[in-house]
Each structure stands twice: as structure tokens, then as C-alpha cells.
Amino acid sequence: MNKMNIKLDLKDQEYARRLAAFLKTHYQERIRVYEAGEETEQEVVWLTDQEGEKQGKVIRLGEGAINPYQSIHQIMRQIWAEQEKETLQEENAASPAEPGRWISVYGYAGGSGKSTLALSLALELTARGKVLYLSLEGPSASYELLEAVPPYTLSDMLYCFLLQDEAGWHRALPELLAAQGNNLHVLAGGFWLDDMQELLDKEILAWMQRLKMEFDYLVADLGIPVCRAQRFLVLHSDMKCRLWGSQDIERGKYEDARRRGQEEEEGVLVFSRGDMPLKQTQFVNLPDDPYLYEISSGNKKRLNEKSEYRESVRKAVQLYL
């Protein structure tokens, strides 16, 4: 990391001198410190409690910020935040990231295996890059299949997204997710999507785009997309994966779904656990596999990667994703 050039301009000159000496002694690996009278041609960040314009970036101390006579480490946290922001801007300018792909998994019958399909897709995609599995249907049975339970929920993430700047978002993101190892991260939806329902469409889209810059693949388990936010996520997905089952006909869910909007049926990859009466060019049959789950050494239930079911999902990923 490049050193940041800090220039002090404080009313209390004696304090400024002692502060400069302390920073040079304890933080010399990360910053260079210049007092107000020192000249430099380098671009600097001003650390000041004075009014008036400064040439360059300014971190203001005192009223409205922090008291300069409080802990120097509080001051340093402000400096680090500015430094992280600069580093992030440099990295983005040097290598603009290719946005990841948003994959929505949904269906119109409860208990048909949507969460199992979504988690299986996420696990298969970890071979290709960094994956985020979003459980966005409320409390999910898939949690019992995870190595680590998500510590926070969608509401916490939306709070950080709406209120934090980009540097703050990057600091918060690792804490919001449950890292499973092997490139997989998990976000819990909480109890339904009440907070997302409050967002404007453009805010949901901006949140999707921000996450797509962080992950190669995002697999959203949307359950039955009955609320506006869920349907919006389906319609703006890069790939729609719909689970079809015989119970769709029995419960009349499919015709209900068609009445809600024909557009969501365009470009859908259909997974079926039985006969599929619709004409679909992208269709994957999922076997009823008694060996879908296995018990790990820690007596924990998990998906069996050698099962016929997982092999069918693996082939679908190779063909369509």
C-alpha cells in the first residue's frame, strides 16, 4: 500500500508538533507527516481544525467531527478510511471488474425443493469463482446444510448499502456474510423481505449491481415470488431457473403465475422432478435420488456431491451457465 501524505494545520501549534512526532514514530509504515510550515510537491490530505478552503482532500477535526485532543487512534481511523477509499478507487481504475451473473431460483409450489436446487447450483459454481448464495424467501431449511449459519440478514446488508460510502461497504461486507469455504458465501434473508419492499426499483437494481461487482455468481433462492421485490429480482436476473413439479398443476400455481406476467417465462431454464408439459428449449430433469444427502464426520447433514441429483445440476451448469 502506498504511503499517504498527511499535512497538519491545527490551531494549537504545540499539540500539532507533538501529534506529528507521535504519528511519525508509530505510523511511519503507512503515512508521511508534514507540519503546516513544511513544503512538499506531493499530493496531501489535510488534517485540520481550521476553517477555510484547502487544496486537496481534507479531514476536519473538532466541531462536527472528533475532538483532536481525544485518542489519536480515533484520528487514525479517519485517515485509514480515507486511505482505503483511495486504494479502492485506484484498484477500480486499474482493473475494472466484469460484473457477476445473477441467477434467480424460484417455483410456484412450496416444499418442492427450490432451496436444495439453489444451494446445489451455488456449490457447483464455486469451481468457477466467488459465489454468493442469497436465501431470500425468509427462514430456510437449507441453513441446516451449511457449514456456517449467516450472522446477519438482508436487512443489515441493505442498511449498510444505503448508509455507507463505498469504502464503508467494503469493510462491512465480510462481516455480513457467512463464509462456507471453497468460494461460497451466504446471506440470510431474515423474515421475508419487508425492508426490500420499501425500496424503489432503482435502489434494488443498484444493490444488485453493487453485489455483482463483488461476486462472480449470485444465486438467489427466491422461493415462491409473490411480493413485488421478489418478482423484480426474477425479471432482472441474468438467468432464471424455475423448478417445475407435478404439484404445480395439482395446486393450480402455474396458471396463477402466468397471469402475474408472461415476461418472466422468457429465457427460463426449467428444472423438473417429473413430467414437464410445457415446451422448453432449456430443460433439465432432476432425478428422485435417495442418496441426495449424506452425514458428515461431524454428524451434520449435507448435500452429497456424488449423487445423481448433483450430477444433473453439474451438467446443467456446464450446458447453460
Protein backbone atom coordinates (compact mmCIF):
# COMPACT_ATOMS: atom_id res chain seq x y z
CA MET A 1 0.00 0.00 0.00
CA ASN A 2 1.31 3.45 -0.94
CA LYS A 3 2.01 5.83 1.92
CA MET A 4 -0.47 8.65 2.42
CA ASN A 5 0.89 12.19 2.80
CA ILE A 6 -0.71 13.92 5.79
CA LYS A 7 -0.29 17.65 6.40
CA LEU A 8 -1.20 19.09 9.82
CA ASP A 9 -2.78 22.51 10.25
CA LEU A 10 -4.02 22.89 13.85
CA LYS A 11 -4.65 25.98 15.96
CA ASP A 12 -2.64 24.58 18.86
CA GLN A 13 0.89 24.53 17.44
CA GLU A 14 2.38 22.71 20.42
CA TYR A 15 -0.22 19.96 20.10
CA ALA A 16 0.42 19.80 16.34
CA ARG A 17 4.13 19.30 16.98
CA ARG A 18 3.51 16.50 19.49
CA LEU A 19 0.91 14.88 17.24
CA ALA A 20 3.34 14.93 14.29
CA ALA A 21 6.07 13.33 16.42
CA PHE A 22 3.68 10.60 17.59
CA LEU A 23 2.43 9.81 14.08
CA LYS A 24 5.95 9.69 12.66
CA THR A 25 7.02 7.30 15.41
CA HIS A 26 4.06 4.90 15.42
CA TYR A 27 2.60 5.05 11.90
CA GLN A 28 5.64 5.65 9.70
CA GLU A 29 4.94 2.46 7.71
CA ARG A 30 1.69 3.88 6.36
CA ILE A 31 1.89 7.68 6.34
CA ARG A 32 4.25 10.61 5.86
CA VAL A 33 3.54 13.60 8.10
CA TYR A 34 4.19 17.24 7.20
CA GLU A 35 3.63 20.13 9.55
CA ALA A 36 1.98 23.31 8.31
CA GLY A 37 5.25 25.09 7.54
CA GLU A 38 6.84 22.20 5.63
CA GLU A 39 6.78 22.33 1.85
CA THR A 40 6.08 19.33 -0.38
CA GLU A 41 5.13 18.84 -4.00
CA GLN A 42 3.31 15.62 -3.14
CA GLU A 43 -0.48 15.50 -3.04
CA VAL A 44 -1.52 15.73 0.61
CA VAL A 45 -4.53 15.11 2.80
CA TRP A 46 -5.04 17.94 5.27
CA LEU A 47 -5.70 17.13 8.92
CA THR A 48 -7.06 20.38 10.29
CA ASP A 49 -9.36 22.09 12.77
CA GLN A 50 -9.18 25.40 10.85
CA GLU A 51 -11.87 26.97 8.69
CA GLY A 52 -11.24 27.89 5.09
CA GLU A 53 -10.51 26.13 1.82
CA LYS A 54 -7.59 23.78 1.35
CA GLN A 55 -6.08 22.49 -1.86
CA GLY A 56 -6.65 18.75 -1.87
CA LYS A 57 -8.59 16.42 0.41
CA VAL A 58 -9.42 17.50 3.95
CA ILE A 59 -10.12 15.58 7.17
CA ARG A 60 -11.64 18.08 9.60
CA LEU A 61 -11.23 17.66 13.35
CA GLY A 62 -13.09 19.41 16.12
CA GLU A 63 -16.74 20.50 15.95
CA GLY A 64 -18.84 18.16 13.83
CA ALA A 65 -16.08 15.55 13.69
CA ILE A 66 -13.88 14.32 16.54
CA ASN A 67 -12.09 16.34 19.15
CA PRO A 68 -8.36 16.48 18.26
CA TYR A 69 -7.49 16.10 21.92
CA GLN A 70 -9.17 12.70 22.09
CA SER A 71 -7.40 9.45 21.22
CA ILE A 72 -5.00 9.72 18.32
CA HIS A 73 -6.21 6.28 17.25
CA GLN A 74 -9.63 7.79 16.55
CA ILE A 75 -7.94 10.27 14.29
CA MET A 76 -6.08 7.43 12.59
CA ARG A 77 -9.33 5.59 11.88
CA GLN A 78 -10.46 8.58 9.84
CA ILE A 79 -7.15 8.56 7.99
CA TRP A 80 -7.41 4.82 7.28
CA ALA A 81 -10.94 5.27 5.92
CA GLU A 82 -9.66 7.92 3.51
CA GLN A 83 -6.72 5.71 2.55
CA GLU A 84 -8.97 2.68 1.89
CA LYS A 85 -11.18 4.86 -0.30
CA GLU A 86 -8.17 5.98 -2.34
CA THR A 87 -6.85 2.42 -2.69
CA LEU A 88 -10.26 1.21 -3.82
CA GLN A 89 -10.52 3.94 -6.43
CA GLU A 90 -7.04 3.07 -7.74
CA GLU A 91 -7.88 -0.63 -7.97
CA ASN A 92 -11.15 0.03 -9.78
CA ALA A 93 -9.44 2.36 -12.24
CA ALA A 94 -6.61 -0.10 -12.88
CA SER A 95 -8.77 -3.18 -13.45
CA PRO A 96 -12.49 -2.58 -13.84
CA ALA A 97 -14.17 -5.81 -12.78
CA GLU A 98 -16.51 -7.76 -15.04
CA PRO A 99 -19.88 -7.88 -13.27
CA GLY A 100 -21.00 -11.26 -11.99
CA ARG A 101 -24.14 -13.12 -13.06
CA TRP A 102 -27.35 -13.01 -11.02
CA ILE A 103 -29.21 -16.34 -11.07
CA SER A 104 -32.71 -16.48 -9.59
CA VAL A 105 -34.17 -19.82 -8.49
CA TYR A 106 -37.93 -19.94 -7.93
CA GLY A 107 -41.10 -22.00 -8.37
CA TYR A 108 -44.79 -21.86 -7.55
CA ALA A 109 -45.26 -24.74 -5.11
CA GLY A 110 -44.00 -24.95 -1.55
CA GLY A 111 -41.79 -27.82 -0.44
CA SER A 112 -40.81 -28.77 -3.99
CA GLY A 113 -37.02 -28.48 -3.47
CA LYS A 114 -36.25 -24.93 -4.59
CA SER A 115 -33.73 -24.28 -1.82
CA THR A 116 -31.99 -27.62 -2.47
CA LEU A 117 -31.69 -26.72 -6.16
CA ALA A 118 -30.42 -23.18 -5.42
CA LEU A 119 -27.78 -24.39 -2.97
CA SER A 120 -26.70 -27.17 -5.37
CA LEU A 121 -26.24 -24.62 -8.16
CA ALA A 122 -24.23 -22.36 -5.84
CA LEU A 123 -21.96 -25.22 -4.78
CA GLU A 124 -21.32 -26.28 -8.39
CA LEU A 125 -20.48 -22.72 -9.43
CA THR A 126 -17.76 -22.39 -6.78
CA ALA A 127 -15.46 -24.24 -9.20
CA ARG A 128 -15.67 -21.17 -11.47
CA GLY A 129 -15.26 -18.32 -8.98
CA LYS A 130 -16.56 -16.50 -5.94
CA VAL A 131 -20.23 -17.27 -5.25
CA LEU A 132 -22.87 -15.63 -3.04
CA TYR A 133 -25.92 -17.73 -2.09
CA LEU A 134 -28.78 -15.44 -1.05
CA SER A 135 -31.64 -17.04 0.84
CA LEU A 136 -34.37 -14.53 0.03
CA GLU A 137 -37.54 -16.44 0.93
CA GLY A 138 -37.43 -15.99 4.69
CA PRO A 139 -36.09 -18.61 7.13
CA SER A 140 -34.85 -21.52 5.03
CA ALA A 141 -34.44 -25.27 5.61
CA SER A 142 -31.22 -25.03 3.58
CA TYR A 143 -29.47 -23.48 6.62
CA GLU A 144 -29.07 -26.94 8.13
CA LEU A 145 -26.95 -27.91 5.11
CA LEU A 146 -24.48 -25.06 5.61
CA GLU A 147 -21.14 -25.17 7.38
CA ALA A 148 -21.74 -21.75 8.97
CA VAL A 149 -25.07 -20.05 9.70
CA PRO A 150 -25.29 -16.46 8.36
CA PRO A 151 -24.68 -13.99 11.24
CA TYR A 152 -26.69 -11.15 9.72
CA THR A 153 -29.65 -10.77 7.37
CA LEU A 154 -30.70 -8.93 4.25
CA SER A 155 -31.94 -6.04 6.41
CA ASP A 156 -28.42 -5.50 7.78
CA MET A 157 -26.93 -5.54 4.30
CA LEU A 158 -29.48 -3.06 2.94
CA TYR A 159 -28.77 -0.76 5.90
CA CYS A 160 -25.06 -0.74 5.05
CA PHE A 161 -25.73 -0.35 1.33
CA LEU A 162 -27.98 2.68 1.80
CA LEU A 163 -25.99 4.45 4.52
CA GLN A 164 -22.33 3.57 3.93
CA ASP A 165 -20.00 5.01 1.32
CA GLU A 166 -18.11 2.56 -0.91
CA ALA A 167 -15.19 2.15 1.49
CA GLY A 168 -17.57 1.53 4.41
CA TRP A 169 -19.50 -1.02 2.34
CA HIS A 170 -16.31 -2.97 1.62
CA ARG A 171 -15.38 -3.02 5.30
CA ALA A 172 -18.84 -4.24 6.32
CA LEU A 173 -19.42 -6.86 3.62
CA PRO A 174 -17.18 -9.67 5.01
CA GLU A 175 -18.88 -9.36 8.41
CA LEU A 176 -22.37 -9.59 6.90
CA LEU A 177 -21.78 -12.92 5.16
CA ALA A 178 -21.16 -16.45 6.39
CA ALA A 179 -18.07 -17.82 4.61
CA GLN A 180 -18.52 -21.52 3.92
CA GLY A 181 -15.08 -22.14 2.44
CA ASN A 182 -14.50 -23.23 -1.15
CA ASN A 183 -15.51 -19.80 -2.59
CA LEU A 184 -19.05 -19.90 -1.15
CA HIS A 185 -20.59 -17.10 0.94
CA VAL A 186 -24.13 -16.95 2.31
CA LEU A 187 -26.58 -14.15 3.14
CA ALA A 188 -29.75 -14.86 5.11
CA GLY A 189 -33.00 -13.20 4.05
CA GLY A 190 -34.41 -12.76 7.53
CA PHE A 191 -38.18 -12.96 7.94
CA TRP A 192 -39.46 -12.30 4.43
CA LEU A 193 -38.37 -9.19 2.54
CA ASP A 194 -40.17 -6.37 4.34
CA ASP A 195 -37.21 -3.98 4.19
CA MET A 196 -36.59 -4.61 0.48
CA GLN A 197 -40.27 -3.93 -0.19
CA GLU A 198 -39.66 -0.36 0.99
CA LEU A 199 -37.00 0.28 -1.66
CA LEU A 200 -37.58 1.90 -5.02
CA ASP A 201 -36.96 -0.26 -8.09
CA LYS A 202 -33.86 1.77 -8.94
CA GLU A 203 -32.48 1.18 -5.42
CA ILE A 204 -32.97 -2.59 -5.72
CA LEU A 205 -31.27 -2.53 -9.11
CA ALA A 206 -28.34 -0.52 -7.73
CA TRP A 207 -27.99 -3.03 -4.87
CA MET A 208 -27.95 -5.91 -7.37
CA GLN A 209 -25.29 -4.18 -9.45
CA ARG A 210 -23.13 -3.46 -6.39
CA LEU A 211 -23.21 -7.14 -5.37
CA LYS A 212 -22.43 -8.24 -8.94
CA MET A 213 -19.19 -6.27 -8.72
CA GLU A 214 -18.18 -8.33 -5.65
CA PHE A 215 -19.01 -11.87 -6.81
CA ASP A 216 -18.67 -13.93 -9.97
CA TYR A 217 -22.04 -15.61 -9.42
CA LEU A 218 -25.01 -14.74 -7.21
CA VAL A 219 -27.60 -17.45 -6.68
CA ALA A 220 -30.82 -16.05 -5.20
CA ASP A 221 -33.22 -18.55 -3.62
CA LEU A 222 -36.49 -16.64 -4.05
CA GLY A 223 -38.94 -19.36 -3.08
CA ILE A 224 -42.39 -18.51 -4.45
CA PRO A 225 -42.02 -14.95 -5.86
CA VAL A 226 -45.25 -13.44 -4.62
CA CYS A 227 -44.11 -9.98 -3.47
CA ARG A 228 -43.05 -7.09 -5.69
CA ALA A 229 -39.37 -7.24 -4.68
CA GLN A 230 -39.10 -10.98 -5.46
CA ARG A 231 -40.72 -10.58 -8.87
CA PHE A 232 -38.45 -7.62 -9.62
CA LEU A 233 -35.37 -9.74 -8.83
CA VAL A 234 -36.63 -12.50 -11.12
CA LEU A 235 -37.28 -10.14 -14.01
CA HIS A 236 -33.85 -8.50 -13.74
CA SER A 237 -31.86 -11.73 -13.43
CA ASP A 238 -29.14 -12.78 -15.85
CA MET A 239 -30.53 -16.32 -15.65
CA LYS A 240 -33.91 -17.52 -14.40
CA CYS A 241 -34.09 -21.08 -13.04
CA ARG A 242 -37.62 -22.31 -12.42
CA LEU A 243 -38.40 -25.55 -10.61
CA TRP A 244 -41.38 -27.33 -12.10
CA GLY A 245 -43.20 -30.20 -10.41
CA SER A 246 -46.41 -32.15 -10.73
CA GLN A 247 -47.76 -30.29 -7.69
CA ASP A 248 -47.73 -27.10 -9.79
CA ILE A 249 -50.70 -28.48 -11.73
CA GLU A 250 -52.36 -30.03 -8.69
CA ARG A 251 -52.31 -26.74 -6.77
CA GLY A 252 -53.08 -24.55 -9.77
CA LYS A 253 -49.94 -22.47 -9.16
CA TYR A 254 -48.70 -22.42 -12.74
CA GLU A 255 -51.72 -20.65 -14.26
CA ASP A 256 -51.65 -18.15 -11.40
CA ALA A 257 -48.04 -17.40 -12.23
CA ARG A 258 -48.76 -16.91 -15.92
CA ARG A 259 -51.48 -14.41 -15.09
CA ARG A 260 -48.98 -12.41 -12.99
CA GLY A 261 -46.79 -11.80 -16.00
CA GLN A 262 -45.82 -13.66 -19.15
CA GLU A 263 -42.47 -11.87 -19.37
CA GLU A 264 -40.90 -13.87 -16.55
CA GLU A 265 -41.26 -17.06 -18.63
CA GLU A 266 -38.88 -15.73 -21.29
CA GLY A 267 -35.39 -17.25 -21.24
CA VAL A 268 -36.10 -19.57 -18.32
CA LEU A 269 -34.05 -22.67 -17.58
CA VAL A 270 -36.61 -25.19 -16.29
CA PHE A 271 -35.68 -27.90 -13.81
CA SER A 272 -38.27 -30.64 -13.39
CA ARG A 273 -38.75 -33.50 -10.92
CA GLY A 274 -41.43 -35.10 -13.09
CA ASP A 275 -43.16 -34.72 -16.45
CA MET A 276 -42.96 -31.21 -17.84
CA PRO A 277 -45.97 -30.41 -20.07
CA LEU A 278 -44.54 -27.14 -21.40
CA LYS A 279 -42.37 -26.84 -24.49
CA GLN A 280 -38.99 -25.63 -23.27
CA THR A 281 -35.70 -25.48 -25.16
CA GLN A 282 -33.75 -25.29 -21.88
CA PHE A 283 -34.90 -28.16 -19.72
CA VAL A 284 -33.16 -30.28 -17.09
CA ASN A 285 -34.68 -33.37 -15.49
CA LEU A 286 -33.77 -33.89 -11.83
CA PRO A 287 -33.88 -37.48 -10.57
CA ASP A 288 -35.51 -38.53 -7.31
CA ASP A 289 -32.26 -39.52 -5.65
CA PRO A 290 -32.28 -41.41 -2.31
CA TYR A 291 -28.58 -40.56 -1.91
CA LEU A 292 -29.01 -36.78 -2.29
CA TYR A 293 -27.89 -36.18 1.32
CA GLU A 294 -25.07 -37.61 3.39
CA ILE A 295 -23.97 -37.28 7.02
CA SER A 296 -20.54 -35.71 7.51
CA SER A 297 -17.97 -36.75 10.13
CA GLY A 298 -19.39 -34.11 12.48
CA ASN A 299 -22.84 -35.78 12.27
CA LYS A 300 -24.06 -32.89 10.09
CA LYS A 301 -26.39 -33.35 7.12
CA ARG A 302 -25.08 -32.05 3.80
CA LEU A 303 -25.60 -32.43 0.06
CA ASN A 304 -23.83 -35.43 -1.45
CA GLU A 305 -21.72 -34.14 -4.33
CA LYS A 306 -21.52 -37.65 -5.84
CA SER A 307 -25.29 -38.13 -6.03
CA GLU A 308 -27.22 -38.41 -9.32
CA TYR A 309 -29.06 -35.21 -8.42
CA ARG A 310 -25.82 -33.23 -8.09
CA GLU A 311 -24.55 -34.75 -11.33
CA SER A 312 -27.67 -33.49 -13.14
CA VAL A 313 -27.14 -30.00 -11.70
CA ARG A 314 -23.46 -30.16 -12.65
CA LYS A 315 -24.33 -30.94 -16.28
CA ALA A 316 -26.87 -28.09 -16.32
CA VAL A 317 -24.17 -25.67 -15.13
CA GLN A 318 -21.84 -26.86 -17.88
CA LEU A 319 -24.50 -26.58 -20.60
CA TYR A 320 -26.37 -23.41 -19.67
CA LEU A 321 -24.38 -21.35 -17.17
